[in-house]
């Protein structure tokens, strides 16, 4: 089984750079752009490739900031994420059905035999609709059913399911705000308290510089409770070449829930690596 998922990882990483064209072109965004009617936007969207990048894809090496670096707190973290649209925008409100798959790995490459510490699998199915106003796409709304687990058994098993509700608001061609909440269905016997650590909702923002060379995003995940307890994720990327979607990336994580196995352990880590992302804003 591990060999199968590793092969899937390699295949998707090879395919991912080819999917940037599957994003909505910026000609439908921004006040300075020409106005289009709803039908022309939907037609343009429906003619895009059905296979595309979903969340950010990255491969990053780093270590802990709150402890002396060792082979046990230094690692490689990588994520692959893609989706397949199943229909055109034929459902109510010009929405469409899609499948998604994201896989995250914590790889202890400094330990003997280079073991994988944890692999997290996150398939989902959802319905998404663009929000169109005055001839522009100003955001989107999404409902989906997600499963997340680490594929292990016994004491190391972790899993939960979510019915997620998400939305984004495109302020302009450089800034997008997003939010997501979920109804949890916790079936893992070893992670009944996961909401205390992996959260009940998240919000954040993504930024793209005018010359398209710099990207940045920050996400805050609110953990359960009335106090101001958040997991914080920050990514900053610099485009290597103007005409591709590969970036040098700085990835910062502070909080709990970075992976399923250690969902209740605090991590504060900084990593540097390669980021592959959509041509415009990423999903989250």
Protein backbone atom coordinates (compact mmCIF):
# COMPACT_ATOMS: atom_id res chain seq x y z
CA UNK A 1 0.00 0.00 0.00
CA UNK A 2 2.81 2.44 0.87
CA UNK A 3 4.48 1.68 -2.48
CA UNK A 4 1.19 2.44 -4.28
CA UNK A 5 0.79 5.86 -2.64
CA UNK A 6 4.42 6.73 -3.30
CA UNK A 7 3.92 5.97 -6.99
CA UNK A 8 0.80 8.15 -7.03
CA UNK A 9 2.84 10.93 -5.41
CA UNK A 10 5.54 10.77 -8.09
CA UNK A 11 3.02 10.73 -10.95
CA UNK A 12 1.09 13.74 -9.64
CA UNK A 13 4.25 15.75 -9.02
CA UNK A 14 5.20 15.17 -12.63
CA UNK A 15 1.76 16.18 -13.88
CA UNK A 16 1.20 19.17 -11.59
CA UNK A 17 3.17 21.80 -13.57
CA UNK A 18 0.97 21.13 -16.59
CA UNK A 19 -2.25 22.10 -14.84
CA UNK A 20 -1.80 25.83 -14.33
CA UNK A 21 -3.79 26.65 -17.47
CA UNK A 22 -6.85 25.16 -15.80
CA UNK A 23 -7.39 28.29 -13.74
CA UNK A 24 -9.73 31.16 -14.58
CA UNK A 25 -7.94 33.84 -16.59
CA UNK A 26 -7.56 37.24 -14.96
CA UNK A 27 -9.39 38.92 -17.84
CA UNK A 28 -12.55 38.32 -15.80
CA UNK A 29 -11.13 40.01 -12.72
CA UNK A 30 -10.35 43.53 -11.57
CA UNK A 31 -12.05 46.90 -12.01
CA UNK A 32 -9.75 47.86 -14.84
CA UNK A 33 -10.89 44.94 -16.99
CA UNK A 34 -13.57 44.91 -19.65
CA UNK A 35 -17.01 43.79 -18.48
CA UNK A 36 -18.34 40.41 -19.61
CA UNK A 37 -21.78 38.92 -19.27
CA UNK A 38 -22.45 35.85 -17.15
CA UNK A 39 -22.85 33.51 -20.13
CA UNK A 40 -19.46 34.41 -21.58
CA UNK A 41 -17.75 33.83 -18.23
CA UNK A 42 -19.44 30.46 -17.72
CA UNK A 43 -18.64 29.40 -21.29
CA UNK A 44 -15.01 30.34 -20.83
CA UNK A 45 -14.88 28.41 -17.55
CA UNK A 46 -16.56 25.31 -19.01
CA UNK A 47 -14.00 25.15 -21.81
CA UNK A 48 -11.06 24.94 -19.41
CA UNK A 49 -9.41 21.53 -18.79
CA UNK A 50 -11.29 19.43 -16.25
CA UNK A 51 -8.10 18.36 -14.43
CA UNK A 52 -6.31 21.05 -12.38
CA UNK A 53 -4.28 21.86 -9.31
CA UNK A 54 -6.45 22.20 -6.21
CA UNK A 55 -4.45 23.31 -3.17
CA UNK A 56 -0.78 24.29 -3.27
CA UNK A 57 1.69 21.56 -4.22
CA UNK A 58 5.04 21.88 -2.46
CA UNK A 59 8.20 20.09 -1.31
CA UNK A 60 9.99 21.82 1.59
CA UNK A 61 12.87 21.05 3.95
CA UNK A 62 13.09 22.55 7.43
CA UNK A 63 13.43 22.27 11.17
CA UNK A 64 11.98 23.37 14.50
CA UNK A 65 12.33 26.99 15.62
CA UNK A 66 11.56 26.40 19.30
CA UNK A 67 14.21 23.69 19.88
CA UNK A 68 17.75 22.93 18.83
CA UNK A 69 17.60 21.28 15.37
CA UNK A 70 18.10 17.50 15.44
CA UNK A 71 17.43 14.61 13.11
CA UNK A 72 14.16 14.08 14.99
CA UNK A 73 12.66 17.56 14.57
CA UNK A 74 14.01 18.29 11.07
CA UNK A 75 12.23 16.85 8.07
CA UNK A 76 10.76 17.27 4.61
CA UNK A 77 7.10 18.17 4.33
CA UNK A 78 5.36 17.85 0.99
CA UNK A 79 1.84 18.06 -0.35
CA UNK A 80 0.22 17.09 -3.62
CA UNK A 81 -3.28 18.23 -4.46
CA UNK A 82 -5.45 18.07 -7.56
CA UNK A 83 -9.07 17.92 -8.59
CA UNK A 84 -11.15 16.59 -11.45
CA UNK A 85 -14.26 18.45 -12.53
CA UNK A 86 -17.02 15.93 -13.23
CA UNK A 87 -19.55 18.25 -14.89
CA UNK A 88 -19.73 21.58 -16.59
CA UNK A 89 -21.60 24.43 -14.89
CA UNK A 90 -24.99 22.79 -15.41
CA UNK A 91 -26.15 22.57 -11.79
CA UNK A 92 -28.15 25.34 -10.06
CA UNK A 93 -26.36 28.71 -9.72
CA UNK A 94 -23.90 27.65 -12.48
CA UNK A 95 -22.28 25.21 -10.06
CA UNK A 96 -20.37 22.06 -10.95
CA UNK A 97 -19.48 18.75 -9.31
CA UNK A 98 -15.86 17.81 -8.68
CA UNK A 99 -13.62 15.24 -7.01
CA UNK A 100 -10.51 16.30 -5.09
CA UNK A 101 -7.52 14.53 -3.64
CA UNK A 102 -4.79 15.93 -1.39
CA UNK A 103 -1.93 14.03 0.19
CA UNK A 104 0.46 15.39 2.80
CA UNK A 105 3.62 13.70 4.04
CA UNK A 106 6.10 14.23 6.87
CA UNK A 107 9.36 12.59 5.80
CA UNK A 108 12.17 12.15 8.33
CA UNK A 109 15.03 12.19 5.85
CA UNK A 110 17.72 12.80 8.51
CA UNK A 111 16.95 9.59 10.41
CA UNK A 112 18.44 6.23 9.53
CA UNK A 113 16.54 4.52 6.66
CA UNK A 114 14.73 7.83 5.88
CA UNK A 115 11.32 6.78 7.28
CA UNK A 116 8.02 8.51 6.56
CA UNK A 117 6.73 9.79 9.90
CA UNK A 118 3.14 10.20 8.70
CA UNK A 119 1.13 10.18 5.47
CA UNK A 120 -2.25 11.93 5.41
CA UNK A 121 -4.86 11.19 2.74
CA UNK A 122 -7.65 13.69 2.05
CA UNK A 123 -10.14 12.75 -0.71
CA UNK A 124 -13.37 14.68 -1.19
CA UNK A 125 -16.35 15.36 -3.40
CA UNK A 126 -18.04 18.72 -3.67
CA UNK A 127 -20.12 21.27 -5.48
CA UNK A 128 -18.62 24.68 -6.27
CA UNK A 129 -20.15 27.77 -7.85
CA UNK A 130 -18.51 30.99 -9.04
CA UNK A 131 -19.98 34.23 -7.69
CA UNK A 132 -20.43 36.69 -10.55
CA UNK A 133 -21.34 40.35 -10.20
CA UNK A 134 -21.33 43.12 -12.83
CA UNK A 135 -19.56 40.96 -15.38
CA UNK A 136 -16.75 39.88 -13.03
CA UNK A 137 -16.00 36.82 -10.93
CA UNK A 138 -15.91 38.17 -7.38
CA UNK A 139 -15.55 34.90 -5.50
CA UNK A 140 -16.86 31.38 -5.15
CA UNK A 141 -18.88 29.21 -2.79
CA UNK A 142 -18.34 25.53 -2.05
CA UNK A 143 -19.93 22.63 -0.21
CA UNK A 144 -18.08 19.35 0.02
CA UNK A 145 -17.71 16.08 1.92
CA UNK A 146 -14.13 15.27 2.95
CA UNK A 147 -12.36 12.34 4.56
CA UNK A 148 -8.94 12.62 6.17
CA UNK A 149 -6.90 9.81 7.68
CA UNK A 150 -3.37 8.51 7.95
CA UNK A 151 -4.08 4.98 6.72
CA UNK A 152 -2.71 3.30 9.84
CA UNK A 153 -4.25 0.92 12.35
CA UNK A 154 -4.13 0.38 16.09
CA UNK A 155 -2.87 3.15 18.39
CA UNK A 156 -1.43 5.12 15.43
CA UNK A 157 -4.75 5.29 13.54
CA UNK A 158 -6.23 8.76 12.98
CA UNK A 159 -9.29 9.69 10.92
CA UNK A 160 -12.22 12.05 10.66
CA UNK A 161 -14.80 13.24 8.14
CA UNK A 162 -16.11 16.73 7.46
CA UNK A 163 -19.00 18.38 5.69
CA UNK A 164 -17.29 21.63 4.70
CA UNK A 165 -18.71 25.02 3.74
CA UNK A 166 -16.28 27.47 2.17
CA UNK A 167 -16.26 30.76 0.34
CA UNK A 168 -13.86 33.32 -1.04
CA UNK A 169 -14.03 36.97 -1.97
CA UNK A 170 -11.78 38.31 -4.72
CA UNK A 171 -11.06 41.89 -3.72
CA UNK A 172 -9.03 42.55 -6.88
CA UNK A 173 -6.55 40.73 -9.10
CA UNK A 174 -3.99 40.82 -6.28
CA UNK A 175 -5.96 39.99 -3.13
CA UNK A 176 -8.37 37.22 -2.18
CA UNK A 177 -9.96 36.57 1.24
CA UNK A 178 -11.24 33.13 2.18
CA UNK A 179 -13.05 31.30 4.97
CA UNK A 180 -14.06 27.72 5.65
CA UNK A 181 -15.96 25.91 8.39
CA UNK A 182 -17.09 22.32 8.80
CA UNK A 183 -19.42 19.90 10.53
CA UNK A 184 -17.11 17.18 11.90
CA UNK A 185 -17.92 13.47 11.93
CA UNK A 186 -15.16 11.96 14.06
CA UNK A 187 -14.89 8.20 13.55
CA UNK A 188 -11.28 7.71 14.69
CA UNK A 189 -11.14 6.12 18.14
CA UNK A 190 -7.67 7.58 18.83
CA UNK A 191 -8.54 11.21 17.96
CA UNK A 192 -11.87 11.98 19.61
CA UNK A 193 -10.53 15.33 20.81
CA UNK A 194 -9.21 16.45 17.41
CA UNK A 195 -11.29 19.65 17.36
CA UNK A 196 -9.23 20.99 20.27
CA UNK A 197 -6.18 20.88 18.02
CA UNK A 198 -7.14 20.78 14.33
CA UNK A 199 -9.87 23.36 14.64
CA UNK A 200 -13.45 24.21 13.85
CA UNK A 201 -12.98 26.85 11.13
CA UNK A 202 -10.29 28.75 9.26
CA UNK A 203 -9.86 32.08 7.55
CA UNK A 204 -7.09 33.81 5.65
CA UNK A 205 -5.88 35.82 2.69
CA UNK A 206 -3.80 35.34 -0.46
CA UNK A 207 -1.76 38.03 -2.18
CA UNK A 208 -0.11 38.24 -5.63
CA UNK A 209 2.24 41.08 -6.54
CA UNK A 210 1.51 43.24 -9.58
CA UNK A 211 4.37 41.72 -11.56
CA UNK A 212 3.18 38.19 -10.58
CA UNK A 213 6.61 37.28 -9.20
CA UNK A 214 5.65 37.22 -5.50
CA UNK A 215 2.85 35.30 -3.82
CA UNK A 216 1.97 35.12 -0.15
CA UNK A 217 -0.80 33.65 1.92
CA UNK A 218 -1.65 33.37 5.57
CA UNK A 219 -4.24 31.05 7.13
CA UNK A 220 -5.49 31.02 10.71
CA UNK A 221 -7.21 27.84 11.95
CA UNK A 222 -9.32 28.43 15.05
CA UNK A 223 -9.04 25.62 17.57
CA UNK A 224 -12.02 24.67 19.72
CA UNK A 225 -12.61 26.91 22.73
CA UNK A 226 -13.44 30.52 23.54
CA UNK A 227 -9.86 31.74 23.90
CA UNK A 228 -7.82 33.14 21.00
CA UNK A 229 -6.07 29.91 20.08
CA UNK A 230 -5.09 29.59 16.42
CA UNK A 231 -2.86 27.44 14.27
CA UNK A 232 -0.98 29.73 11.89
CA UNK A 233 0.27 28.83 8.40
CA UNK A 234 2.26 31.31 6.31
CA UNK A 235 3.65 30.78 2.80
CA UNK A 236 5.77 33.21 0.81
CA UNK A 237 6.83 32.36 -2.73
CA UNK A 238 9.04 33.91 -5.42
CA UNK A 239 8.41 32.86 -9.03
CA UNK A 240 11.57 31.35 -10.49
CA UNK A 241 10.75 32.26 -14.12
CA UNK A 242 8.12 34.69 -15.29
CA UNK A 243 6.26 32.24 -17.53
CA UNK A 244 5.92 29.22 -15.24
CA UNK A 245 4.17 28.41 -11.98
CA UNK A 246 7.15 27.22 -9.93
CA UNK A 247 8.21 29.24 -6.89
CA UNK A 248 10.90 29.20 -4.26
CA UNK A 249 8.86 28.95 -1.07
CA UNK A 250 9.24 29.79 2.61
CA UNK A 251 6.73 27.76 4.66
CA UNK A 252 6.00 28.51 8.34
CA UNK A 253 3.74 26.46 10.62
CA UNK A 254 2.95 27.31 14.24
CA UNK A 255 0.42 25.35 16.29
CA UNK A 256 -1.15 21.92 16.46
CA UNK A 257 -2.63 19.60 13.83
CA UNK A 258 0.21 19.82 11.30
CA UNK A 259 -0.26 16.12 10.61
CA UNK A 260 -2.77 13.50 11.72
CA UNK A 261 -0.43 11.35 13.82
CA UNK A 262 0.79 14.31 15.89
CA UNK A 263 -2.46 16.29 15.80
CA UNK A 264 -2.22 17.00 19.56
CA UNK A 265 1.48 17.97 19.56
CA UNK A 266 2.74 21.52 19.18
CA UNK A 267 4.98 22.28 16.19
CA UNK A 268 6.78 25.50 15.30
CA UNK A 269 8.72 24.88 12.10
CA UNK A 270 10.21 26.85 9.22
CA UNK A 271 10.88 25.20 5.86
CA UNK A 272 12.31 26.20 2.50
CA UNK A 273 11.38 24.49 -0.74
CA UNK A 274 9.67 24.41 -4.11
CA UNK A 275 6.05 25.50 -4.59
CA UNK A 276 3.83 24.60 -7.57
CA UNK A 277 0.54 26.45 -7.58
CA UNK A 278 -2.32 27.52 -9.84
CA UNK A 279 -1.89 30.44 -12.23
CA UNK A 280 -4.16 32.57 -10.03
CA UNK A 281 -5.36 31.99 -6.44
CA UNK A 282 -5.21 28.54 -4.83
CA UNK A 283 -8.02 26.74 -3.09
CA UNK A 284 -7.55 26.08 0.60
